[in-house]
Every structure is written in C-alpha cells, then in structure tokens.
Amino acid sequence: MFAHFPYSVGVANIAPFLDSLPHP
C-alpha cells in the first residue's frame, strides 16, 4: 500500500519496520 499510493502515512509505531520497507 505504501508503494502503490503516493499519499501515504504511517502511525508512530511503524518506526521498527521502517528500515525493512523498500517504500516507506
């Protein structure tokens, strides 16, 4: 979903996953 939709938001608890996301 982050890769597909340009306007994307993560809630703060996404922080541990950021390094593994090719499209944060």
mmCIF file of all heavy atoms, coordinates in Angstrom:
data_MODEL
# 
_entry.id   MODEL 
# 
loop_
_atom_site.group_PDB 
_atom_site.id 
_atom_site.type_symbol 
_atom_site.label_atom_id 
_atom_site.label_alt_id 
_atom_site.label_comp_id 
_atom_site.label_asym_id 
_atom_site.label_entity_id 
_atom_site.label_seq_id 
_atom_site.pdbx_PDB_ins_code 
_atom_site.Cartn_x 
_atom_site.Cartn_y 
_atom_site.Cartn_z 
_atom_site.occupancy 
_atom_site.B_iso_or_equiv 
_atom_site.pdbx_formal_charge 
_atom_site.auth_seq_id 
_atom_site.auth_comp_id 
_atom_site.auth_asym_id 
_atom_site.auth_atom_id 
_atom_site.pdbx_PDB_model_num 
ATOM 1   N N   . MET A 1 1  ? 0.830  -1.205 0.000  1.00 0.00 ? 1  MET A N   1 
ATOM 2   C CA  . MET A 1 1  ? 0.000  0.000  0.000  1.00 0.00 ? 1  MET A CA  1 
ATOM 3   C C   . MET A 1 1  ? 0.867  1.259  0.000  1.00 0.00 ? 1  MET A C   1 
ATOM 4   O O   . MET A 1 1  ? 0.581  2.226  -0.707 1.00 0.00 ? 1  MET A O   1 
ATOM 5   C CB  . MET A 1 1  ? -0.933 -0.005 1.199  1.00 0.00 ? 1  MET A CB  1 
ATOM 6   C CG  . MET A 1 1  ? -1.957 -1.124 1.200  1.00 0.00 ? 1  MET A CG  1 
ATOM 7   S SD  . MET A 1 1  ? -3.202 -0.959 -0.107 1.00 0.00 ? 1  MET A SD  1 
ATOM 8   C CE  . MET A 1 1  ? -4.249 0.324  0.571  1.00 0.00 ? 1  MET A CE  1 
ATOM 9   N N   . PHE A 1 2  ? 1.938  1.262  0.793  1.00 0.00 ? 2  PHE A N   1 
ATOM 10  C CA  . PHE A 1 2  ? 2.845  2.409  0.806  1.00 0.00 ? 2  PHE A CA  1 
ATOM 11  C C   . PHE A 1 2  ? 3.472  2.625  -0.578 1.00 0.00 ? 2  PHE A C   1 
ATOM 12  O O   . PHE A 1 2  ? 3.684  3.758  -1.009 1.00 0.00 ? 2  PHE A O   1 
ATOM 13  C CB  . PHE A 1 2  ? 3.948  2.206  1.843  1.00 0.00 ? 2  PHE A CB  1 
ATOM 14  C CG  . PHE A 1 2  ? 3.480  2.243  3.264  1.00 0.00 ? 2  PHE A CG  1 
ATOM 15  C CD1 . PHE A 1 2  ? 3.915  1.289  4.183  1.00 0.00 ? 2  PHE A CD1 1 
ATOM 16  C CD2 . PHE A 1 2  ? 2.610  3.225  3.707  1.00 0.00 ? 2  PHE A CD2 1 
ATOM 17  C CE1 . PHE A 1 2  ? 3.493  1.327  5.500  1.00 0.00 ? 2  PHE A CE1 1 
ATOM 18  C CE2 . PHE A 1 2  ? 2.181  3.269  5.021  1.00 0.00 ? 2  PHE A CE2 1 
ATOM 19  C CZ  . PHE A 1 2  ? 2.622  2.315  5.924  1.00 0.00 ? 2  PHE A CZ  1 
ATOM 20  N N   . ALA A 1 3  ? 3.779  1.531  -1.264 1.00 0.00 ? 3  ALA A N   1 
ATOM 21  C CA  . ALA A 1 3  ? 4.395  1.635  -2.581 1.00 0.00 ? 3  ALA A CA  1 
ATOM 22  C C   . ALA A 1 3  ? 3.393  2.089  -3.642 1.00 0.00 ? 3  ALA A C   1 
ATOM 23  O O   . ALA A 1 3  ? 3.759  2.793  -4.582 1.00 0.00 ? 3  ALA A O   1 
ATOM 24  C CB  . ALA A 1 3  ? 5.004  0.294  -2.979 1.00 0.00 ? 3  ALA A CB  1 
ATOM 25  N N   . HIS A 1 4  ? 2.137  1.693  -3.483 1.00 0.00 ? 4  HIS A N   1 
ATOM 26  C CA  . HIS A 1 4  ? 1.138  1.942  -4.529 1.00 0.00 ? 4  HIS A CA  1 
ATOM 27  C C   . HIS A 1 4  ? 0.544  3.344  -4.472 1.00 0.00 ? 4  HIS A C   1 
ATOM 28  O O   . HIS A 1 4  ? 0.290  3.959  -5.517 1.00 0.00 ? 4  HIS A O   1 
ATOM 29  C CB  . HIS A 1 4  ? 0.016  0.909  -4.427 1.00 0.00 ? 4  HIS A CB  1 
ATOM 30  C CG  . HIS A 1 4  ? -0.953 0.947  -5.565 1.00 0.00 ? 4  HIS A CG  1 
ATOM 31  N ND1 . HIS A 1 4  ? -0.658 0.451  -6.815 1.00 0.00 ? 4  HIS A ND1 1 
ATOM 32  C CD2 . HIS A 1 4  ? -2.216 1.455  -5.655 1.00 0.00 ? 4  HIS A CD2 1 
ATOM 33  C CE1 . HIS A 1 4  ? -1.694 0.632  -7.623 1.00 0.00 ? 4  HIS A CE1 1 
ATOM 34  N NE2 . HIS A 1 4  ? -2.650 1.241  -6.942 1.00 0.00 ? 4  HIS A NE2 1 
ATOM 35  N N   . PHE A 1 5  ? 0.311  3.847  -3.255 1.00 0.00 ? 5  PHE A N   1 
ATOM 36  C CA  . PHE A 1 5  ? -0.364 5.128  -3.113 1.00 0.00 ? 5  PHE A CA  1 
ATOM 37  C C   . PHE A 1 5  ? 0.627  6.216  -2.688 1.00 0.00 ? 5  PHE A C   1 
ATOM 38  O O   . PHE A 1 5  ? 1.214  6.133  -1.609 1.00 0.00 ? 5  PHE A O   1 
ATOM 39  C CB  . PHE A 1 5  ? -1.501 5.023  -2.104 1.00 0.00 ? 5  PHE A CB  1 
ATOM 40  C CG  . PHE A 1 5  ? -2.626 4.136  -2.563 1.00 0.00 ? 5  PHE A CG  1 
ATOM 41  C CD1 . PHE A 1 5  ? -2.775 2.858  -2.039 1.00 0.00 ? 5  PHE A CD1 1 
ATOM 42  C CD2 . PHE A 1 5  ? -3.507 4.560  -3.537 1.00 0.00 ? 5  PHE A CD2 1 
ATOM 43  C CE1 . PHE A 1 5  ? -3.800 2.029  -2.476 1.00 0.00 ? 5  PHE A CE1 1 
ATOM 44  C CE2 . PHE A 1 5  ? -4.528 3.740  -3.994 1.00 0.00 ? 5  PHE A CE2 1 
ATOM 45  C CZ  . PHE A 1 5  ? -4.680 2.467  -3.466 1.00 0.00 ? 5  PHE A CZ  1 
ATOM 46  N N   . PRO A 1 6  ? 0.817  7.234  -3.521 1.00 0.00 ? 6  PRO A N   1 
ATOM 47  C CA  . PRO A 1 6  ? 1.806  8.275  -3.213 1.00 0.00 ? 6  PRO A CA  1 
ATOM 48  C C   . PRO A 1 6  ? 1.526  9.002  -1.905 1.00 0.00 ? 6  PRO A C   1 
ATOM 49  O O   . PRO A 1 6  ? 2.464  9.364  -1.190 1.00 0.00 ? 6  PRO A O   1 
ATOM 50  C CB  . PRO A 1 6  ? 1.700  9.220  -4.411 1.00 0.00 ? 6  PRO A CB  1 
ATOM 51  C CG  . PRO A 1 6  ? 1.115  8.413  -5.516 1.00 0.00 ? 6  PRO A CG  1 
ATOM 52  C CD  . PRO A 1 6  ? 0.200  7.433  -4.844 1.00 0.00 ? 6  PRO A CD  1 
ATOM 53  N N   . TYR A 1 7  ? 0.234  9.215  -1.587 1.00 0.00 ? 7  TYR A N   1 
ATOM 54  C CA  . TYR A 1 7  ? -0.076 9.930  -0.352 1.00 0.00 ? 7  TYR A CA  1 
ATOM 55  C C   . TYR A 1 7  ? -0.307 8.897  0.748  1.00 0.00 ? 7  TYR A C   1 
ATOM 56  O O   . TYR A 1 7  ? -1.405 8.388  0.932  1.00 0.00 ? 7  TYR A O   1 
ATOM 57  C CB  . TYR A 1 7  ? -1.305 10.820 -0.505 1.00 0.00 ? 7  TYR A CB  1 
ATOM 58  C CG  . TYR A 1 7  ? -1.237 12.005 0.425  1.00 0.00 ? 7  TYR A CG  1 
ATOM 59  C CD1 . TYR A 1 7  ? -0.841 13.248 -0.047 1.00 0.00 ? 7  TYR A CD1 1 
ATOM 60  C CD2 . TYR A 1 7  ? -1.498 11.870 1.787  1.00 0.00 ? 7  TYR A CD2 1 
ATOM 61  C CE1 . TYR A 1 7  ? -0.723 14.338 0.809  1.00 0.00 ? 7  TYR A CE1 1 
ATOM 62  C CE2 . TYR A 1 7  ? -1.386 12.945 2.633  1.00 0.00 ? 7  TYR A CE2 1 
ATOM 63  C CZ  . TYR A 1 7  ? -1.012 14.173 2.136  1.00 0.00 ? 7  TYR A CZ  1 
ATOM 64  O OH  . TYR A 1 7  ? -0.888 15.232 2.988  1.00 0.00 ? 7  TYR A OH  1 
ATOM 65  N N   . SER A 1 8  ? 0.760  8.568  1.468  1.00 0.00 ? 8  SER A N   1 
ATOM 66  C CA  . SER A 1 8  ? 0.693  7.521  2.485  1.00 0.00 ? 8  SER A CA  1 
ATOM 67  C C   . SER A 1 8  ? 1.232  8.038  3.812  1.00 0.00 ? 8  SER A C   1 
ATOM 68  O O   . SER A 1 8  ? 2.114  8.896  3.856  1.00 0.00 ? 8  SER A O   1 
ATOM 69  C CB  . SER A 1 8  ? 1.474  6.288  2.046  1.00 0.00 ? 8  SER A CB  1 
ATOM 70  O OG  . SER A 1 8  ? 2.834  6.610  1.822  1.00 0.00 ? 8  SER A OG  1 
ATOM 71  N N   . VAL A 1 9  ? 0.689  7.478  4.882  1.00 0.00 ? 9  VAL A N   1 
ATOM 72  C CA  . VAL A 1 9  ? 1.030  7.913  6.231  1.00 0.00 ? 9  VAL A CA  1 
ATOM 73  C C   . VAL A 1 9  ? 1.265  6.681  7.098  1.00 0.00 ? 9  VAL A C   1 
ATOM 74  O O   . VAL A 1 9  ? 0.549  5.677  6.976  1.00 0.00 ? 9  VAL A O   1 
ATOM 75  C CB  . VAL A 1 9  ? -0.107 8.768  6.846  1.00 0.00 ? 9  VAL A CB  1 
ATOM 76  C CG1 . VAL A 1 9  ? 0.232  9.184  8.274  1.00 0.00 ? 9  VAL A CG1 1 
ATOM 77  C CG2 . VAL A 1 9  ? -0.391 9.987  5.982  1.00 0.00 ? 9  VAL A CG2 1 
ATOM 78  N N   . GLY A 1 10 ? 2.255  6.752  7.964  1.00 0.00 ? 10 GLY A N   1 
ATOM 79  C CA  . GLY A 1 10 ? 2.477  5.717  8.958  1.00 0.00 ? 10 GLY A CA  1 
ATOM 80  C C   . GLY A 1 10 ? 2.204  6.277  10.341 1.00 0.00 ? 10 GLY A C   1 
ATOM 81  O O   . GLY A 1 10 ? 2.576  7.415  10.636 1.00 0.00 ? 10 GLY A O   1 
ATOM 82  N N   . VAL A 1 11 ? 1.535  5.497  11.188 1.00 0.00 ? 11 VAL A N   1 
ATOM 83  C CA  . VAL A 1 11 ? 1.407  5.907  12.582 1.00 0.00 ? 11 VAL A CA  1 
ATOM 84  C C   . VAL A 1 11 ? 2.758  5.701  13.264 1.00 0.00 ? 11 VAL A C   1 
ATOM 85  O O   . VAL A 1 11 ? 3.615  4.967  12.774 1.00 0.00 ? 11 VAL A O   1 
ATOM 86  C CB  . VAL A 1 11 ? 0.281  5.123  13.293 1.00 0.00 ? 11 VAL A CB  1 
ATOM 87  C CG1 . VAL A 1 11 ? -1.087 5.619  12.837 1.00 0.00 ? 11 VAL A CG1 1 
ATOM 88  C CG2 . VAL A 1 11 ? 0.401  3.615  13.041 1.00 0.00 ? 11 VAL A CG2 1 
ATOM 89  N N   . ALA A 1 12 ? 2.950  6.349  14.407 1.00 0.00 ? 12 ALA A N   1 
ATOM 90  C CA  . ALA A 1 12 ? 4.286  6.408  15.009 1.00 0.00 ? 12 ALA A CA  1 
ATOM 91  C C   . ALA A 1 12 ? 4.884  5.032  15.279 1.00 0.00 ? 12 ALA A C   1 
ATOM 92  O O   . ALA A 1 12 ? 6.106  4.855  15.192 1.00 0.00 ? 12 ALA A O   1 
ATOM 93  C CB  . ALA A 1 12 ? 4.219  7.214  16.309 1.00 0.00 ? 12 ALA A CB  1 
ATOM 94  N N   . ASN A 1 13 ? 4.055  4.047  15.584 1.00 0.00 ? 13 ASN A N   1 
ATOM 95  C CA  . ASN A 1 13 ? 4.567  2.720  15.919 1.00 0.00 ? 13 ASN A CA  1 
ATOM 96  C C   . ASN A 1 13 ? 5.068  1.938  14.708 1.00 0.00 ? 13 ASN A C   1 
ATOM 97  O O   . ASN A 1 13 ? 5.461  0.769  14.838 1.00 0.00 ? 13 ASN A O   1 
ATOM 98  C CB  . ASN A 1 13 ? 3.500  1.896  16.651 1.00 0.00 ? 13 ASN A CB  1 
ATOM 99  C CG  . ASN A 1 13 ? 2.117  1.982  16.041 1.00 0.00 ? 13 ASN A CG  1 
ATOM 100 O OD1 . ASN A 1 13 ? 1.501  3.048  16.058 1.00 0.00 ? 13 ASN A OD1 1 
ATOM 101 N ND2 . ASN A 1 13 ? 1.627  0.886  15.520 1.00 0.00 ? 13 ASN A ND2 1 
ATOM 102 N N   . ILE A 1 14 ? 5.114  2.579  13.542 1.00 0.00 ? 14 ILE A N   1 
ATOM 103 C CA  . ILE A 1 14 ? 5.720  1.938  12.374 1.00 0.00 ? 14 ILE A CA  1 
ATOM 104 C C   . ILE A 1 14 ? 7.237  1.987  12.438 1.00 0.00 ? 14 ILE A C   1 
ATOM 105 O O   . ILE A 1 14 ? 7.932  1.310  11.680 1.00 0.00 ? 14 ILE A O   1 
ATOM 106 C CB  . ILE A 1 14 ? 5.235  2.603  11.072 1.00 0.00 ? 14 ILE A CB  1 
ATOM 107 C CG1 . ILE A 1 14 ? 5.501  1.681  9.872  1.00 0.00 ? 14 ILE A CG1 1 
ATOM 108 C CG2 . ILE A 1 14 ? 5.886  3.968  10.872 1.00 0.00 ? 14 ILE A CG2 1 
ATOM 109 C CD1 . ILE A 1 14 ? 4.936  2.190  8.564  1.00 0.00 ? 14 ILE A CD1 1 
ATOM 110 N N   . ALA A 1 15 ? 7.782  2.769  13.352 1.00 0.00 ? 15 ALA A N   1 
ATOM 111 C CA  . ALA A 1 15 ? 9.226  3.020  13.403 1.00 0.00 ? 15 ALA A CA  1 
ATOM 112 C C   . ALA A 1 15 ? 10.083 1.742  13.324 1.00 0.00 ? 15 ALA A C   1 
ATOM 113 O O   . ALA A 1 15 ? 11.065 1.712  12.575 1.00 0.00 ? 15 ALA A O   1 
ATOM 114 C CB  . ALA A 1 15 ? 9.573  3.822  14.654 1.00 0.00 ? 15 ALA A CB  1 
ATOM 115 N N   . PRO A 1 16 ? 9.758  0.644  14.054 1.00 0.00 ? 16 PRO A N   1 
ATOM 116 C CA  . PRO A 1 16 ? 10.609 -0.551 13.964 1.00 0.00 ? 16 PRO A CA  1 
ATOM 117 C C   . PRO A 1 16 ? 10.637 -1.207 12.593 1.00 0.00 ? 16 PRO A C   1 
ATOM 118 O O   . PRO A 1 16 ? 11.538 -1.994 12.299 1.00 0.00 ? 16 PRO A O   1 
ATOM 119 C CB  . PRO A 1 16 ? 9.988  -1.498 15.007 1.00 0.00 ? 16 PRO A CB  1 
ATOM 120 C CG  . PRO A 1 16 ? 9.211  -0.626 15.926 1.00 0.00 ? 16 PRO A CG  1 
ATOM 121 C CD  . PRO A 1 16 ? 8.705  0.487  15.075 1.00 0.00 ? 16 PRO A CD  1 
ATOM 122 N N   . PHE A 1 17 ? 9.658  -0.894 11.730 1.00 0.00 ? 17 PHE A N   1 
ATOM 123 C CA  . PHE A 1 17 ? 9.579  -1.531 10.416 1.00 0.00 ? 17 PHE A CA  1 
ATOM 124 C C   . PHE A 1 17 ? 10.212 -0.695 9.315  1.00 0.00 ? 17 PHE A C   1 
ATOM 125 O O   . PHE A 1 17 ? 10.371 -1.173 8.190  1.00 0.00 ? 17 PHE A O   1 
ATOM 126 C CB  . PHE A 1 17 ? 8.111  -1.792 10.048 1.00 0.00 ? 17 PHE A CB  1 
ATOM 127 C CG  . PHE A 1 17 ? 7.397  -2.754 10.951 1.00 0.00 ? 17 PHE A CG  1 
ATOM 128 C CD1 . PHE A 1 17 ? 6.662  -2.297 12.030 1.00 0.00 ? 17 PHE A CD1 1 
ATOM 129 C CD2 . PHE A 1 17 ? 7.454  -4.120 10.726 1.00 0.00 ? 17 PHE A CD2 1 
ATOM 130 C CE1 . PHE A 1 17 ? 5.995  -3.170 12.865 1.00 0.00 ? 17 PHE A CE1 1 
ATOM 131 C CE2 . PHE A 1 17 ? 6.784  -5.014 11.552 1.00 0.00 ? 17 PHE A CE2 1 
ATOM 132 C CZ  . PHE A 1 17 ? 6.063  -4.541 12.628 1.00 0.00 ? 17 PHE A CZ  1 
ATOM 133 N N   . LEU A 1 18 ? 10.561 0.552  9.594  1.00 0.00 ? 18 LEU A N   1 
ATOM 134 C CA  . LEU A 1 18 ? 10.967 1.469  8.527  1.00 0.00 ? 18 LEU A CA  1 
ATOM 135 C C   . LEU A 1 18 ? 12.183 0.978  7.750  1.00 0.00 ? 18 LEU A C   1 
ATOM 136 O O   . LEU A 1 18 ? 12.245 1.095  6.521  1.00 0.00 ? 18 LEU A O   1 
ATOM 137 C CB  . LEU A 1 18 ? 11.239 2.862  9.099  1.00 0.00 ? 18 LEU A CB  1 
ATOM 138 C CG  . LEU A 1 18 ? 10.002 3.662  9.521  1.00 0.00 ? 18 LEU A CG  1 
ATOM 139 C CD1 . LEU A 1 18 ? 10.406 4.998  10.133 1.00 0.00 ? 18 LEU A CD1 1 
ATOM 140 C CD2 . LEU A 1 18 ? 9.066  3.888  8.334  1.00 0.00 ? 18 LEU A CD2 1 
ATOM 141 N N   . ASP A 1 19 ? 13.156 0.437  8.442  1.00 0.00 ? 19 ASP A N   1 
ATOM 142 C CA  . ASP A 1 19 ? 14.388 0.014  7.762  1.00 0.00 ? 19 ASP A CA  1 
ATOM 143 C C   . ASP A 1 19 ? 14.157 -1.148 6.799  1.00 0.00 ? 19 ASP A C   1 
ATOM 144 O O   . ASP A 1 19 ? 14.965 -1.371 5.893  1.00 0.00 ? 19 ASP A O   1 
ATOM 145 C CB  . ASP A 1 19 ? 15.453 -0.370 8.790  1.00 0.00 ? 19 ASP A CB  1 
ATOM 146 C CG  . ASP A 1 19 ? 16.002 0.846  9.533  1.00 0.00 ? 19 ASP A CG  1 
ATOM 147 O OD1 . ASP A 1 19 ? 15.851 1.969  9.020  1.00 0.00 ? 19 ASP A OD1 1 
ATOM 148 O OD2 . ASP A 1 19 ? 16.549 0.661  10.636 1.00 0.00 ? 19 ASP A OD2 1 
ATOM 149 N N   . SER A 1 20 ? 13.070 -1.901 6.992  1.00 0.00 ? 20 SER A N   1 
ATOM 150 C CA  . SER A 1 20 ? 12.801 -3.053 6.124  1.00 0.00 ? 20 SER A CA  1 
ATOM 151 C C   . SER A 1 20 ? 11.805 -2.730 5.018  1.00 0.00 ? 20 SER A C   1 
ATOM 152 O O   . SER A 1 20 ? 11.484 -3.604 4.213  1.00 0.00 ? 20 SER A O   1 
ATOM 153 C CB  . SER A 1 20 ? 12.266 -4.226 6.962  1.00 0.00 ? 20 SER A CB  1 
ATOM 154 O OG  . SER A 1 20 ? 11.034 -3.883 7.590  1.00 0.00 ? 20 SER A OG  1 
ATOM 155 N N   . LEU A 1 21 ? 11.312 -1.486 4.960  1.00 0.00 ? 21 LEU A N   1 
ATOM 156 C CA  . LEU A 1 21 ? 10.336 -1.108 3.942  1.00 0.00 ? 21 LEU A CA  1 
ATOM 157 C C   . LEU A 1 21 ? 11.040 -0.511 2.720  1.00 0.00 ? 21 LEU A C   1 
ATOM 158 O O   . LEU A 1 21 ? 11.701 0.516  2.834  1.00 0.00 ? 21 LEU A O   1 
ATOM 159 C CB  . LEU A 1 21 ? 9.349  -0.084 4.504  1.00 0.00 ? 21 LEU A CB  1 
ATOM 160 C CG  . LEU A 1 21 ? 8.327  -0.582 5.518  1.00 0.00 ? 21 LEU A CG  1 
ATOM 161 C CD1 . LEU A 1 21 ? 7.535  0.586  6.096  1.00 0.00 ? 21 LEU A CD1 1 
ATOM 162 C CD2 . LEU A 1 21 ? 7.381  -1.602 4.882  1.00 0.00 ? 21 LEU A CD2 1 
ATOM 163 N N   . PRO A 1 22 ? 10.911 -1.114 1.546  1.00 0.00 ? 22 PRO A N   1 
ATOM 164 C CA  . PRO A 1 22 ? 11.515 -0.527 0.346  1.00 0.00 ? 22 PRO A CA  1 
ATOM 165 C C   . PRO A 1 22 ? 10.866 0.791  -0.039 1.00 0.00 ? 22 PRO A C   1 
ATOM 166 O O   . PRO A 1 22 ? 11.483 1.635  -0.676 1.00 0.00 ? 22 PRO A O   1 
ATOM 167 C CB  . PRO A 1 22 ? 11.294 -1.598 -0.726 1.00 0.00 ? 22 PRO A CB  1 
ATOM 168 C CG  . PRO A 1 22 ? 10.138 -2.409 -0.232 1.00 0.00 ? 22 PRO A CG  1 
ATOM 169 C CD  . PRO A 1 22 ? 10.225 -2.394 1.262  1.00 0.00 ? 22 PRO A CD  1 
ATOM 170 N N   . HIS A 1 23 ? 9.580  0.963  0.334  1.00 0.00 ? 23 HIS A N   1 
ATOM 171 C CA  . HIS A 1 23 ? 8.852  2.206  0.069  1.00 0.00 ? 23 HIS A CA  1 
ATOM 172 C C   . HIS A 1 23 ? 8.162  2.643  1.362  1.00 0.00 ? 23 HIS A C   1 
ATOM 173 O O   . HIS A 1 23 ? 7.029  2.245  1.612  1.00 0.00 ? 23 HIS A O   1 
ATOM 174 C CB  . HIS A 1 23 ? 7.819  2.010  -1.049 1.00 0.00 ? 23 HIS A CB  1 
ATOM 175 C CG  . HIS A 1 23 ? 8.402  1.658  -2.367 1.00 0.00 ? 23 HIS A CG  1 
ATOM 176 N ND1 . HIS A 1 23 ? 8.939  2.598  -3.215 1.00 0.00 ? 23 HIS A ND1 1 
ATOM 177 C CD2 . HIS A 1 23 ? 8.552  0.452  -2.976 1.00 0.00 ? 23 HIS A CD2 1 
ATOM 178 C CE1 . HIS A 1 23 ? 9.384  1.986  -4.308 1.00 0.00 ? 23 HIS A CE1 1 
ATOM 179 N NE2 . HIS A 1 23 ? 9.166  0.692  -4.184 1.00 0.00 ? 23 HIS A NE2 1 
ATOM 180 N N   . PRO A 1 24 ? 8.840  3.418  2.189  1.00 0.00 ? 24 PRO A N   1 
ATOM 181 C CA  . PRO A 1 24 ? 8.231  3.858  3.443  1.00 0.00 ? 24 PRO A CA  1 
ATOM 182 C C   . PRO A 1 24 ? 7.122  4.869  3.185  1.00 0.00 ? 24 PRO A C   1 
ATOM 183 O O   . PRO A 1 24 ? 7.018  5.417  2.076  1.00 0.00 ? 24 PRO A O   1 
ATOM 184 C CB  . PRO A 1 24 ? 9.401  4.500  4.199  1.00 0.00 ? 24 PRO A CB  1 
ATOM 185 C CG  . PRO A 1 24 ? 10.338 4.941  3.135  1.00 0.00 ? 24 PRO A CG  1 
ATOM 186 C CD  . PRO A 1 24 ? 10.212 3.939  2.026  1.00 0.00 ? 24 PRO A CD  1 
# 
